[in-house]
Amino acid sequence: MYKISKEFSFSAGHSLFGLSEEHPCSRLHGHNYIVTVHLKSDRLNPQGFVRDYNELKFVKEYIDSNLDHRNLNDIMAPQNSSAENIAKMLFDAFKPHLPELYAVEVSETPKTSAIYEP
């Protein structure tokens, strides 16, 4: 099995509901997110790639147009804009265009990440 990944980034704000008032994530705050798309295939294309990285430009365009410098609460309502839910939302958006996609990872901080893999 061959696996590749590519990182993308965006900055956005959000707050999470259902938490105590003392929880810092219940208040409006922001993150510099890192999104990693993970692709795999049991065979390579004629050029020797799982997928040409240039073919992932639409991922950057989607993230820049829909998520960057936005309030994620406006985009994801009524769902909480947790890293887990963002990963699932992005997986669902990208999978129809990337049959090799098997997981999307979203990191809010350098030490944390959430992965959606069906």
PDB file of N, CA and C in Angstrom:
ATOM      1  N   MET A   1       0.843  -1.179   0.000  1.00  0.00           N
ATOM      2  CA  MET A   1       0.000   0.000   0.000  1.00  0.00           C
ATOM      3  C   MET A   1       0.887   1.240   0.000  1.00  0.00           C
ATOM      4  N   TYR A   2       0.565   2.181  -0.853  1.00  0.00           N
ATOM      5  CA  TYR A   2       1.267   3.459  -0.922  1.00  0.00           C
ATOM      6  C   TYR A   2       0.404   4.510  -0.230  1.00  0.00           C
ATOM      7  N   LYS A   3       1.044   5.368   0.559  1.00  0.00           N
ATOM      8  CA  LYS A   3       0.323   6.432   1.254  1.00  0.00           C
ATOM      9  C   LYS A   3       1.054   7.755   1.063  1.00  0.00           C
ATOM     10  N   ILE A   4       0.287   8.806   0.844  1.00  0.00           N
ATOM     11  CA  ILE A   4       0.835  10.151   0.775  1.00  0.00           C
ATOM     12  C   ILE A   4      -0.041  11.084   1.606  1.00  0.00           C
ATOM     13  N   SER A   5       0.498  12.242   1.931  1.00  0.00           N
ATOM     14  CA  SER A   5      -0.294  13.249   2.637  1.00  0.00           C
ATOM     15  C   SER A   5       0.180  14.631   2.220  1.00  0.00           C
ATOM     16  N   LYS A   6      -0.698  15.583   2.412  1.00  0.00           N
ATOM     17  CA  LYS A   6      -0.351  16.975   2.128  1.00  0.00           C
ATOM     18  C   LYS A   6      -1.057  17.857   3.149  1.00  0.00           C
ATOM     19  N   GLU A   7      -0.321  18.878   3.631  1.00  0.00           N
ATOM     20  CA  GLU A   7      -0.844  19.806   4.632  1.00  0.00           C
ATOM     21  C   GLU A   7      -1.317  21.102   3.988  1.00  0.00           C
ATOM     22  N   PHE A   8      -2.363  21.647   4.600  1.00  0.00           N
ATOM     23  CA  PHE A   8      -2.921  22.943   4.236  1.00  0.00           C
ATOM     24  C   PHE A   8      -3.188  23.684   5.534  1.00  0.00           C
ATOM     25  N   SER A   9      -3.281  25.011   5.467  1.00  0.00           N
ATOM     26  CA  SER A   9      -3.509  25.762   6.700  1.00  0.00           C
ATOM     27  C   SER A   9      -4.558  26.847   6.496  1.00  0.00           C
ATOM     28  N   PHE A  10      -5.190  27.218   7.607  1.00  0.00           N
ATOM     29  CA  PHE A  10      -6.114  28.339   7.609  1.00  0.00           C
ATOM     30  C   PHE A  10      -6.251  28.852   9.037  1.00  0.00           C
ATOM     31  N   SER A  11      -6.713  30.080   9.151  1.00  0.00           N
ATOM     32  CA  SER A  11      -6.972  30.696  10.451  1.00  0.00           C
ATOM     33  C   SER A  11      -8.463  30.983  10.550  1.00  0.00           C
ATOM     34  N   ALA A  12      -9.040  30.675  11.708  1.00  0.00           N
ATOM     35  CA  ALA A  12     -10.476  30.892  11.890  1.00  0.00           C
ATOM     36  C   ALA A  12     -10.795  30.998  13.373  1.00  0.00           C
ATOM     37  N   GLY A  13     -11.969  31.539  13.651  1.00  0.00           N
ATOM     38  CA  GLY A  13     -12.454  31.641  15.017  1.00  0.00           C
ATOM     39  C   GLY A  13     -13.648  30.722  15.228  1.00  0.00           C
ATOM     40  N   HIS A  14     -13.918  30.432  16.504  1.00  0.00           N
ATOM     41  CA  HIS A  14     -15.101  29.647  16.853  1.00  0.00           C
ATOM     42  C   HIS A  14     -15.261  29.636  18.361  1.00  0.00           C
ATOM     43  N   SER A  15     -16.392  29.142  18.792  1.00  0.00           N
ATOM     44  CA  SER A  15     -16.621  28.811  20.199  1.00  0.00           C
ATOM     45  C   SER A  15     -17.413  27.517  20.204  1.00  0.00           C
ATOM     46  N   LEU A  16     -17.242  26.757  21.255  1.00  0.00           N
ATOM     47  CA  LEU A  16     -17.931  25.471  21.357  1.00  0.00           C
ATOM     48  C   LEU A  16     -19.050  25.569  22.385  1.00  0.00           C
ATOM     49  N   PHE A  17     -20.191  25.004  22.059  1.00  0.00           N
ATOM     50  CA  PHE A  17     -21.320  25.015  22.985  1.00  0.00           C
ATOM     51  C   PHE A  17     -21.392  23.700  23.747  1.00  0.00           C
ATOM     52  N   GLY A  18     -22.139  23.720  24.830  1.00  0.00           N
ATOM     53  CA  GLY A  18     -22.285  22.517  25.645  1.00  0.00           C
ATOM     54  C   GLY A  18     -21.189  22.350  26.672  1.00  0.00           C
ATOM     55  N   LEU A  19     -20.320  23.339  26.800  1.00  0.00           N
ATOM     56  CA  LEU A  19     -19.245  23.304  27.792  1.00  0.00           C
ATOM     57  C   LEU A  19     -19.584  24.252  28.935  1.00  0.00           C
ATOM     58  N   SER A  20     -18.935  24.066  30.073  1.00  0.00           N
ATOM     59  CA  SER A  20     -19.164  24.973  31.194  1.00  0.00           C
ATOM     60  C   SER A  20     -18.665  26.370  30.839  1.00  0.00           C
ATOM     61  N   GLU A  21     -19.200  27.368  31.492  1.00  0.00           N
ATOM     62  CA  GLU A  21     -18.779  28.753  31.246  1.00  0.00           C
ATOM     63  C   GLU A  21     -17.299  28.955  31.548  1.00  0.00           C
ATOM     64  N   GLU A  22     -16.742  28.141  32.443  1.00  0.00           N
ATOM     65  CA  GLU A  22     -15.333  28.269  32.812  1.00  0.00           C
ATOM     66  C   GLU A  22     -14.392  27.679  31.750  1.00  0.00           C
ATOM     67  N   HIS A  23     -14.933  26.831  30.898  1.00  0.00           N
ATOM     68  CA  HIS A  23     -14.091  26.187  29.887  1.00  0.00           C
ATOM     69  C   HIS A  23     -13.659  27.229  28.862  1.00  0.00           C
ATOM     70  N   PRO A  24     -12.351  27.332  28.576  1.00  0.00           N
ATOM     71  CA  PRO A  24     -11.881  28.377  27.650  1.00  0.00           C
ATOM     72  C   PRO A  24     -12.459  28.254  26.244  1.00  0.00           C
ATOM     73  N   CYS A  25     -12.809  27.050  25.833  1.00  0.00           N
ATOM     74  CA  CYS A  25     -13.331  26.871  24.468  1.00  0.00           C
ATOM     75  C   CYS A  25     -14.790  27.293  24.330  1.00  0.00           C
ATOM     76  N   SER A  26     -15.445  27.603  25.465  1.00  0.00           N
ATOM     77  CA  SER A  26     -16.824  28.080  25.385  1.00  0.00           C
ATOM     78  C   SER A  26     -16.878  29.541  24.955  1.00  0.00           C
ATOM     79  N   ARG A  27     -15.741  30.223  25.034  1.00  0.00           N
ATOM     80  CA  ARG A  27     -15.667  31.629  24.612  1.00  0.00           C
ATOM     81  C   ARG A  27     -15.106  31.709  23.190  1.00  0.00           C
ATOM     82  N   LEU A  28     -15.447  32.773  22.492  1.00  0.00           N
ATOM     83  CA  LEU A  28     -14.940  32.971  21.140  1.00  0.00           C
ATOM     84  C   LEU A  28     -13.415  33.057  21.175  1.00  0.00           C
ATOM     85  N   HIS A  29     -12.775  32.274  20.334  1.00  0.00           N
ATOM     86  CA  HIS A  29     -11.316  32.240  20.248  1.00  0.00           C
ATOM     87  C   HIS A  29     -10.932  31.763  18.857  1.00  0.00           C
ATOM     88  N   GLY A  30      -9.653  31.791  18.548  1.00  0.00           N
ATOM     89  CA  GLY A  30      -9.214  31.398  17.224  1.00  0.00           C
ATOM     90  C   GLY A  30      -8.067  30.415  17.241  1.00  0.00           C
ATOM     91  N   HIS A  31      -7.845  29.814  16.094  1.00  0.00           N
ATOM     92  CA  HIS A  31      -6.749  28.857  15.912  1.00  0.00           C
ATOM     93  C   HIS A  31      -6.120  29.077  14.543  1.00  0.00           C
ATOM     94  N   ASN A  32      -4.877  28.692  14.440  1.00  0.00           N
ATOM     95  CA  ASN A  32      -4.211  28.536  13.156  1.00  0.00           C
ATOM     96  C   ASN A  32      -4.228  27.040  12.861  1.00  0.00           C
ATOM     97  N   TYR A  33      -5.201  26.623  12.089  1.00  0.00           N
ATOM     98  CA  TYR A  33      -5.445  25.212  11.826  1.00  0.00           C
ATOM     99  C   TYR A  33      -4.477  24.657  10.783  1.00  0.00           C
ATOM    100  N   ILE A  34      -4.150  23.388  10.950  1.00  0.00           N
ATOM    101  CA  ILE A  34      -3.433  22.624   9.935  1.00  0.00           C
ATOM    102  C   ILE A  34      -4.350  21.468   9.540  1.00  0.00           C
ATOM    103  N   VAL A  35      -4.615  21.341   8.257  1.00  0.00           N
ATOM    104  CA  VAL A  35      -5.424  20.245   7.720  1.00  0.00           C
ATOM    105  C   VAL A  35      -4.496  19.360   6.900  1.00  0.00           C
ATOM    106  N   THR A  36      -4.504  18.069   7.193  1.00  0.00           N
ATOM    107  CA  THR A  36      -3.710  17.112   6.426  1.00  0.00           C
ATOM    108  C   THR A  36      -4.652  16.132   5.759  1.00  0.00           C
ATOM    109  N   VAL A  37      -4.550  16.030   4.440  1.00  0.00           N
ATOM    110  CA  VAL A  37      -5.317  15.023   3.719  1.00  0.00           C
ATOM    111  C   VAL A  37      -4.403  13.827   3.494  1.00  0.00           C
ATOM    112  N   HIS A  38      -4.939  12.647   3.755  1.00  0.00           N
ATOM    113  CA  HIS A  38      -4.189  11.388   3.642  1.00  0.00           C
ATOM    114  C   HIS A  38      -4.804  10.551   2.522  1.00  0.00           C
ATOM    115  N   LEU A  39      -3.971  10.155   1.566  1.00  0.00           N
ATOM    116  CA  LEU A  39      -4.423   9.345   0.447  1.00  0.00           C
ATOM    117  C   LEU A  39      -3.638   8.042   0.408  1.00  0.00           C
ATOM    118  N   LYS A  40      -4.291   6.992  -0.101  1.00  0.00           N
ATOM    119  CA  LYS A  40      -3.591   5.718  -0.243  1.00  0.00           C
ATOM    120  C   LYS A  40      -4.115   4.972  -1.466  1.00  0.00           C
ATOM    121  N   SER A  41      -3.254   4.107  -1.979  1.00  0.00           N
ATOM    122  CA  SER A  41      -3.614   3.286  -3.122  1.00  0.00           C
ATOM    123  C   SER A  41      -2.709   2.058  -3.137  1.00  0.00           C
ATOM    124  N   ASP A  42      -3.246   0.967  -3.643  1.00  0.00           N
ATOM    125  CA  ASP A  42      -2.416  -0.232  -3.742  1.00  0.00           C
ATOM    126  C   ASP A  42      -1.597  -0.245  -5.034  1.00  0.00           C
ATOM    127  N   ARG A  43      -1.816   0.756  -5.895  1.00  0.00           N
ATOM    128  CA  ARG A  43      -1.024   0.862  -7.123  1.00  0.00           C
ATOM    129  C   ARG A  43      -0.764   2.328  -7.440  1.00  0.00           C
ATOM    130  N   LEU A  44       0.268   2.555  -8.189  1.00  0.00           N
ATOM    131  CA  LEU A  44       0.640   3.906  -8.600  1.00  0.00           C
ATOM    132  C   LEU A  44       0.147   4.178 -10.017  1.00  0.00           C
ATOM    133  N   ASN A  45      -0.076   5.446 -10.314  1.00  0.00           N
ATOM    134  CA  ASN A  45      -0.470   5.805 -11.678  1.00  0.00           C
ATOM    135  C   ASN A  45       0.751   5.691 -12.602  1.00  0.00           C
ATOM    136  N   PRO A  46       0.586   5.896 -13.905  1.00  0.00           N
ATOM    137  CA  PRO A  46       1.726   5.728 -14.829  1.00  0.00           C
ATOM    138  C   PRO A  46       2.926   6.625 -14.519  1.00  0.00           C
ATOM    139  N   GLN A  47       2.701   7.746 -13.826  1.00  0.00           N
ATOM    140  CA  GLN A  47       3.804   8.636 -13.474  1.00  0.00           C
ATOM    141  C   GLN A  47       4.493   8.227 -12.170  1.00  0.00           C
ATOM    142  N   GLY A  48       3.966   7.199 -11.504  1.00  0.00           N
ATOM    143  CA  GLY A  48       4.568   6.733 -10.260  1.00  0.00           C
ATOM    144  C   GLY A  48       4.025   7.412  -9.022  1.00  0.00           C
ATOM    145  N   PHE A  49       2.823   8.005  -9.114  1.00  0.00           N
ATOM    146  CA  PHE A  49       2.195   8.706  -7.993  1.00  0.00           C
ATOM    147  C   PHE A  49       0.944   7.988  -7.513  1.00  0.00           C
ATOM    148  N   VAL A  50       0.643   8.134  -6.225  1.00  0.00           N
ATOM    149  CA  VAL A  50      -0.709   7.834  -5.743  1.00  0.00           C
ATOM    150  C   VAL A  50      -1.646   8.860  -6.372  1.00  0.00           C
ATOM    151  N   ARG A  51      -1.235  10.118  -6.289  1.00  0.00           N
ATOM    152  CA  ARG A  51      -1.957  11.246  -6.897  1.00  0.00           C
ATOM    153  C   ARG A  51      -0.956  12.381  -7.006  1.00  0.00           C
ATOM    154  N   ASP A  52      -0.929  13.066  -8.119  1.00  0.00           N
ATOM    155  CA  ASP A  52      -0.052  14.213  -8.296  1.00  0.00           C
ATOM    156  C   ASP A  52      -0.462  15.289  -7.295  1.00  0.00           C
ATOM    157  N   TYR A  53       0.483  15.790  -6.505  1.00  0.00           N
ATOM    158  CA  TYR A  53       0.167  16.825  -5.514  1.00  0.00           C
ATOM    159  C   TYR A  53      -0.471  18.057  -6.147  1.00  0.00           C
ATOM    160  N   ASN A  54      -0.131  18.335  -7.406  1.00  0.00           N
ATOM    161  CA  ASN A  54      -0.742  19.476  -8.090  1.00  0.00           C
ATOM    162  C   ASN A  54      -2.253  19.316  -8.233  1.00  0.00           C
ATOM    163  N   GLU A  55      -2.724  18.088  -8.236  1.00  0.00           N
ATOM    164  CA  GLU A  55      -4.157  17.831  -8.349  1.00  0.00           C
ATOM    165  C   GLU A  55      -4.905  18.130  -7.051  1.00  0.00           C
ATOM    166  N   LEU A  56      -4.184  18.507  -6.008  1.00  0.00           N
ATOM    167  CA  LEU A  56      -4.807  18.829  -4.726  1.00  0.00           C
ATOM    168  C   LEU A  56      -5.012  20.335  -4.546  1.00  0.00           C
ATOM    169  N   LYS A  57      -4.762  21.102  -5.591  1.00  0.00           N
ATOM    170  CA  LYS A  57      -4.948  22.554  -5.499  1.00  0.00           C
ATOM    171  C   LYS A  57      -6.377  22.919  -5.092  1.00  0.00           C
ATOM    172  N   PHE A  58      -7.348  22.115  -5.508  1.00  0.00           N
ATOM    173  CA  PHE A  58      -8.743  22.414  -5.173  1.00  0.00           C
ATOM    174  C   PHE A  58      -8.982  22.352  -3.667  1.00  0.00           C
ATOM    175  N   VAL A  59      -8.190  21.557  -2.945  1.00  0.00           N
ATOM    176  CA  VAL A  59      -8.314  21.485  -1.485  1.00  0.00           C
ATOM    177  C   VAL A  59      -7.957  22.840  -0.889  1.00  0.00           C
ATOM    178  N   LYS A  60      -6.849  23.405  -1.311  1.00  0.00           N
ATOM    179  CA  LYS A  60      -6.447  24.734  -0.836  1.00  0.00           C
ATOM    180  C   LYS A  60      -7.498  25.777  -1.198  1.00  0.00           C
ATOM    181  N   GLU A  61      -7.990  25.717  -2.429  1.00  0.00           N
ATOM    182  CA  GLU A  61      -9.006  26.678  -2.866  1.00  0.00           C
ATOM    183  C   GLU A  61     -10.277  26.564  -2.022  1.00  0.00           C
ATOM    184  N   TYR A  62     -10.686  25.337  -1.722  1.00  0.00           N
ATOM    185  CA  TYR A  62     -11.881  25.128  -0.896  1.00  0.00           C
ATOM    186  C   TYR A  62     -11.662  25.707   0.505  1.00  0.00           C
ATOM    187  N   ILE A  63     -10.538  25.378   1.105  1.00  0.00           N
ATOM    188  CA  ILE A  63     -10.239  25.855   2.463  1.00  0.00           C
ATOM    189  C   ILE A  63     -10.154  27.378   2.484  1.00  0.00           C
ATOM    190  N   ASP A  64      -9.447  27.963   1.525  1.00  0.00           N
ATOM    191  CA  ASP A  64      -9.305  29.418   1.484  1.00  0.00           C
ATOM    192  C   ASP A  64     -10.654  30.107   1.286  1.00  0.00           C
ATOM    193  N   SER A  65     -11.493  29.551   0.435  1.00  0.00           N
ATOM    194  CA  SER A  65     -12.781  30.180   0.129  1.00  0.00           C
ATOM    195  C   SER A  65     -13.823  29.993   1.218  1.00  0.00           C
ATOM    196  N   ASN A  66     -13.789  28.855   1.902  1.00  0.00           N
ATOM    197  CA  ASN A  66     -14.873  28.509   2.813  1.00  0.00           C
ATOM    198  C   ASN A  66     -14.546  28.594   4.300  1.00  0.00           C
ATOM    199  N   LEU A  67     -13.264  28.502   4.661  1.00  0.00           N
ATOM    200  CA  LEU A  67     -12.919  28.426   6.080  1.00  0.00           C
ATOM    201  C   LEU A  67     -11.988  29.530   6.564  1.00  0.00           C
ATOM    202  N   ASP A  68     -11.078  29.977   5.725  1.00  0.00           N
ATOM    203  CA  ASP A  68     -10.053  30.910   6.173  1.00  0.00           C
ATOM    204  C   ASP A  68     -10.654  32.250   6.598  1.00  0.00           C
ATOM    205  N   HIS A  69     -10.237  32.700   7.789  1.00  0.00           N
ATOM    206  CA  HIS A  69     -10.681  33.960   8.378  1.00  0.00           C
ATOM    207  C   HIS A  69     -12.208  34.058   8.458  1.00  0.00           C
ATOM    208  N   ARG A  70     -12.810  32.958   8.907  1.00  0.00           N
ATOM    209  CA  ARG A  70     -14.262  32.887   9.101  1.00  0.00           C
ATOM    210  C   ARG A  70     -14.546  32.500  10.543  1.00  0.00           C
ATOM    211  N   ASN A  71     -15.806  32.695  10.927  1.00  0.00           N
ATOM    212  CA  ASN A  71     -16.295  32.154  12.187  1.00  0.00           C
ATOM    213  C   ASN A  71     -16.880  30.781  11.861  1.00  0.00           C
ATOM    214  N   LEU A  72     -16.246  29.731  12.329  1.00  0.00           N
ATOM    215  CA  LEU A  72     -16.669  28.373  11.988  1.00  0.00           C
ATOM    216  C   LEU A  72     -18.064  28.050  12.521  1.00  0.00           C
ATOM    217  N   ASN A  73     -18.505  28.757  13.545  1.00  0.00           N
ATOM    218  CA  ASN A  73     -19.861  28.543  14.047  1.00  0.00           C
ATOM    219  C   ASN A  73     -20.889  28.870  12.972  1.00  0.00           C
ATOM    220  N   ASP A  74     -20.626  29.900  12.177  1.00  0.00           N
ATOM    221  CA  ASP A  74     -21.543  30.271  11.098  1.00  0.00           C
ATOM    222  C   ASP A  74     -21.582  29.210  10.016  1.00  0.00           C
ATOM    223  N   ILE A  75     -20.479  28.541   9.783  1.00  0.00           N
ATOM    224  CA  ILE A  75     -20.375  27.552   8.707  1.00  0.00           C
ATOM    225  C   ILE A  75     -20.930  26.199   9.125  1.00  0.00           C
ATOM    226  N   MET A  76     -20.713  25.823  10.377  1.00  0.00           N
ATOM    227  CA  MET A  76     -21.004  24.448  10.793  1.00  0.00           C
ATOM    228  C   MET A  76     -22.301  24.275  11.577  1.00  0.00           C
ATOM    229  N   ALA A  77     -22.979  25.355  11.916  1.00  0.00           N
ATOM    230  CA  ALA A  77     -24.209  25.249  12.709  1.00  0.00           C
ATOM    231  C   ALA A  77     -25.174  24.275  12.035  1.00  0.00           C
ATOM    232  N   PRO A  78     -25.856  23.454  12.780  1.00  0.00           N
ATOM    233  CA  PRO A  78     -25.954  23.412  14.242  1.00  0.00           C
ATOM    234  C   PRO A  78     -24.906  22.534  14.913  1.00  0.00           C
ATOM    235  N   GLN A  79     -23.959  21.996  14.143  1.00  0.00           N
ATOM    236  CA  GLN A  79     -22.903  21.171  14.735  1.00  0.00           C
ATOM    237  C   GLN A  79     -21.887  22.033  15.463  1.00  0.00           C
ATOM    238  N   ASN A  80     -21.288  21.476  16.499  1.00  0.00           N
ATOM    239  CA  ASN A  80     -20.156  22.118  17.147  1.00  0.00           C
ATOM    240  C   ASN A  80     -18.978  22.113  16.180  1.00  0.00           C
ATOM    241  N   SER A  81     -18.197  23.170  16.188  1.00  0.00           N
ATOM    242  CA  SER A  81     -17.061  23.278  15.272  1.00  0.00           C
ATOM    243  C   SER A  81     -15.793  22.699  15.906  1.00  0.00           C
ATOM    244  N   SER A  82     -15.910  21.495  16.434  1.00  0.00           N
ATOM    245  CA  SER A  82     -14.758  20.795  17.003  1.00  0.00           C
ATOM    246  C   SER A  82     -13.846  20.333  15.879  1.00  0.00           C
ATOM    247  N   ALA A  83     -12.603  20.057  16.209  1.00  0.00           N
ATOM    248  CA  ALA A  83     -11.655  19.552  15.214  1.00  0.00           C
ATOM    249  C   ALA A  83     -12.169  18.248  14.605  1.00  0.00           C
ATOM    250  N   GLU A  84     -12.810  17.425  15.410  1.00  0.00           N
ATOM    251  CA  GLU A  84     -13.353  16.158  14.922  1.00  0.00           C
ATOM    252  C   GLU A  84     -14.422  16.396  13.849  1.00  0.00           C
ATOM    253  N   ASN A  85     -15.335  17.345  14.124  1.00  0.00           N
ATOM    254  CA  ASN A  85     -16.395  17.640  13.163  1.00  0.00           C
ATOM    255  C   ASN A  85     -15.864  18.335  11.915  1.00  0.00           C
ATOM    256  N   ILE A  86     -14.851  19.168  12.072  1.00  0.00           N
ATOM    257  CA  ILE A  86     -14.232  19.813  10.904  1.00  0.00           C
ATOM    258  C   ILE A  86     -13.597  18.745  10.012  1.00  0.00           C
ATOM    259  N   ALA A  87     -12.898  17.795  10.609  1.00  0.00           N
ATOM    260  CA  ALA A  87     -12.261  16.725   9.841  1.00  0.00           C
ATOM    261  C   ALA A  87     -13.289  15.931   9.042  1.00  0.00           C
ATOM    262  N   LYS A  88     -14.405  15.603   9.660  1.00  0.00           N
ATOM    263  CA  LYS A  88     -15.468  14.843   8.963  1.00  0.00           C
ATOM    264  C   LYS A  88     -16.076  15.681   7.846  1.00  0.00           C
ATOM    265  N   MET A  89     -16.336  16.956   8.101  1.00  0.00           N
ATOM    266  CA  MET A  89     -16.909  17.834   7.094  1.00  0.00           C
ATOM    267  C   MET A  89     -15.992  17.918   5.872  1.00  0.00           C
ATOM    268  N   LEU A  90     -14.684  18.068   6.107  1.00  0.00           N
ATOM    269  CA  LEU A  90     -13.740  18.164   5.007  1.00  0.00           C
ATOM    270  C   LEU A  90     -13.609  16.835   4.261  1.00  0.00           C
ATOM    271  N   PHE A  91     -13.606  15.743   4.992  1.00  0.00           N
ATOM    272  CA  PHE A  91     -13.559  14.432   4.341  1.00  0.00           C
ATOM    273  C   PHE A  91     -14.739  14.295   3.376  1.00  0.00           C
ATOM    274  N   ASP A  92     -15.927  14.622   3.855  1.00  0.00           N
ATOM    275  CA  ASP A  92     -17.123  14.496   3.022  1.00  0.00           C
ATOM    276  C   ASP A  92     -17.064  15.415   1.801  1.00  0.00           C
ATOM    277  N   ALA A  93     -16.456  16.592   1.952  1.00  0.00           N
ATOM    278  CA  ALA A  93     -16.339  17.529   0.832  1.00  0.00           C
ATOM    279  C   ALA A  93     -15.334  17.047  -0.209  1.00  0.00           C
ATOM    280  N   PHE A  94     -14.249  16.418   0.231  1.00  0.00           N
ATOM    281  CA  PHE A  94     -13.163  16.054  -0.677  1.00  0.00           C
ATOM    282  C   PHE A  94     -13.286  14.651  -1.278  1.00  0.00           C
ATOM    283  N   LYS A  95     -13.909  13.731  -0.573  1.00  0.00           N
ATOM    284  CA  LYS A  95     -13.950  12.332  -1.010  1.00  0.00           C
ATOM    285  C   LYS A  95     -14.507  12.148  -2.417  1.00  0.00           C
ATOM    286  N   PRO A  96     -15.567  12.870  -2.821  1.00  0.00           N
ATOM    287  CA  PRO A  96     -16.059  12.667  -4.190  1.00  0.00           C
ATOM    288  C   PRO A  96     -15.032  12.999  -5.272  1.00  0.00           C
ATOM    289  N   HIS A  97     -14.065  13.844  -4.958  1.00  0.00           N
ATOM    290  CA  HIS A  97     -13.045  14.245  -5.924  1.00  0.00           C
ATOM    291  C   HIS A  97     -11.738  13.465  -5.765  1.00  0.00           C
ATOM    292  N   LEU A  98     -11.610  12.777  -4.640  1.00  0.00           N
ATOM    293  CA  LEU A  98     -10.374  12.048  -4.328  1.00  0.00           C
ATOM    294  C   LEU A  98     -10.702  10.633  -3.868  1.00  0.00           C
ATOM    295  N   PRO A  99     -10.883   9.714  -4.787  1.00  0.00           N
ATOM    296  CA  PRO A  99     -11.211   8.352  -4.359  1.00  0.00           C
ATOM    297  C   PRO A  99     -10.139   7.722  -3.468  1.00  0.00           C
ATOM    298  N   GLU A 100      -8.896   8.208  -3.566  1.00  0.00           N
ATOM    299  CA  GLU A 100      -7.799   7.669  -2.755  1.00  0.00           C
ATOM    300  C   GLU A 100      -7.810   8.199  -1.312  1.00  0.00           C
ATOM    301  N   LEU A 101      -8.652   9.177  -1.034  1.00  0.00           N
ATOM    302  CA  LEU A 101      -8.697   9.775   0.304  1.00  0.00           C
ATOM    303  C   LEU A 101      -9.170   8.744   1.319  1.00  0.00           C
ATOM    304  N   TYR A 102      -8.410   8.593   2.409  1.00  0.00           N
ATOM    305  CA  TYR A 102      -8.835   7.674   3.458  1.00  0.00           C
ATOM    306  C   TYR A 102      -8.933   8.342   4.820  1.00  0.00           C
ATOM    307  N   ALA A 103      -8.382   9.545   4.963  1.00  0.00           N
ATOM    308  CA  ALA A 103      -8.473  10.230   6.255  1.00  0.00           C
ATOM    309  C   ALA A 103      -8.192  11.715   6.069  1.00  0.00           C
ATOM    310  N   VAL A 104      -8.792  12.507   6.970  1.00  0.00           N
ATOM    311  CA  VAL A 104      -8.480  13.933   7.065  1.00  0.00           C
ATOM    312  C   VAL A 104      -8.138  14.207   8.519  1.00  0.00           C
ATOM    313  N   GLU A 105      -7.037  14.911   8.712  1.00  0.00           N
ATOM    314  CA  GLU A 105      -6.553  15.261  10.048  1.00  0.00           C
ATOM    315  C   GLU A 105      -6.619  16.771  10.210  1.00  0.00           C
ATOM    316  N   VAL A 106      -7.114  17.216  11.367  1.00  0.00           N
ATOM    317  CA  VAL A 106      -7.207  18.642  11.662  1.00  0.00           C
ATOM    318  C   VAL A 106      -6.499  18.908  12.982  1.00  0.00           C
ATOM    319  N   SER A 107      -5.573  19.833  12.944  1.00  0.00           N
ATOM    320  CA  SER A 107      -4.827  20.212  14.139  1.00  0.00           C
ATOM    321  C   SER A 107      -5.135  21.662  14.484  1.00  0.00           C
ATOM    322  N   GLU A 108      -5.501  21.890  15.752  1.00  0.00           N
ATOM    323  CA  GLU A 108      -5.760  23.245  16.240  1.00  0.00           C
ATOM    324  C   GLU A 108      -4.528  23.847  16.905  1.00  0.00           C
ATOM    325  N   THR A 109      -3.676  22.992  17.429  1.00  0.00           N
ATOM    326  CA  THR A 109      -2.459  23.431  18.107  1.00  0.00           C
ATOM    327  C   THR A 109      -1.327  22.495  17.693  1.00  0.00           C
ATOM    328  N   PRO A 110      -0.089  22.882  17.939  1.00  0.00           N
ATOM    329  CA  PRO A 110       1.030  21.995  17.567  1.00  0.00           C
ATOM    330  C   PRO A 110       1.015  20.649  18.291  1.00  0.00           C
ATOM    331  N   LYS A 111       0.284  20.549  19.398  1.00  0.00           N
ATOM    332  CA  LYS A 111       0.311  19.310  20.182  1.00  0.00           C
ATOM    333  C   LYS A 111      -0.969  18.492  20.096  1.00  0.00           C
ATOM    334  N   THR A 112      -1.974  18.951  19.302  1.00  0.00           N
ATOM    335  CA  THR A 112      -3.243  18.213  19.247  1.00  0.00           C
ATOM    336  C   THR A 112      -3.703  18.051  17.811  1.00  0.00           C
ATOM    337  N   SER A 113      -4.395  16.956  17.562  1.00  0.00           N
ATOM    338  CA  SER A 113      -5.022  16.770  16.268  1.00  0.00           C
ATOM    339  C   SER A 113      -6.170  15.783  16.408  1.00  0.00           C
ATOM    340  N   ALA A 114      -7.093  15.870  15.459  1.00  0.00           N
ATOM    341  CA  ALA A 114      -8.215  14.943  15.359  1.00  0.00           C
ATOM    342  C   ALA A 114      -8.210  14.374  13.946  1.00  0.00           C
ATOM    343  N   ILE A 115      -8.487  13.089  13.836  1.00  0.00           N
ATOM    344  CA  ILE A 115      -8.476  12.420  12.546  1.00  0.00           C
ATOM    345  C   ILE A 115      -9.838  11.796  12.299  1.00  0.00           C
ATOM    346  N   TYR A 116     -10.395  12.050  11.103  1.00  0.00           N
ATOM    347  CA  TYR A 116     -11.599  11.332  10.688  1.00  0.00           C
ATOM    348  C   TYR A 116     -11.178  10.339   9.612  1.00  0.00           C
ATOM    349  N   GLU A 117     -11.479   9.084   9.891  1.00  0.00           N
ATOM    350  CA  GLU A 117     -11.199   7.987   8.951  1.00  0.00           C
ATOM    351  C   GLU A 117     -12.372   7.034   9.018  1.00  0.00           C
ATOM    352  N   PRO A 118     -13.190   6.973   7.962  1.00  0.00           N
ATOM    353  CA  PRO A 118     -14.368   6.090   8.031  1.00  0.00           C
ATOM    354  C   PRO A 118     -13.987   4.615   8.094  1.00  0.00           C
TER     355      PRO A 118
END
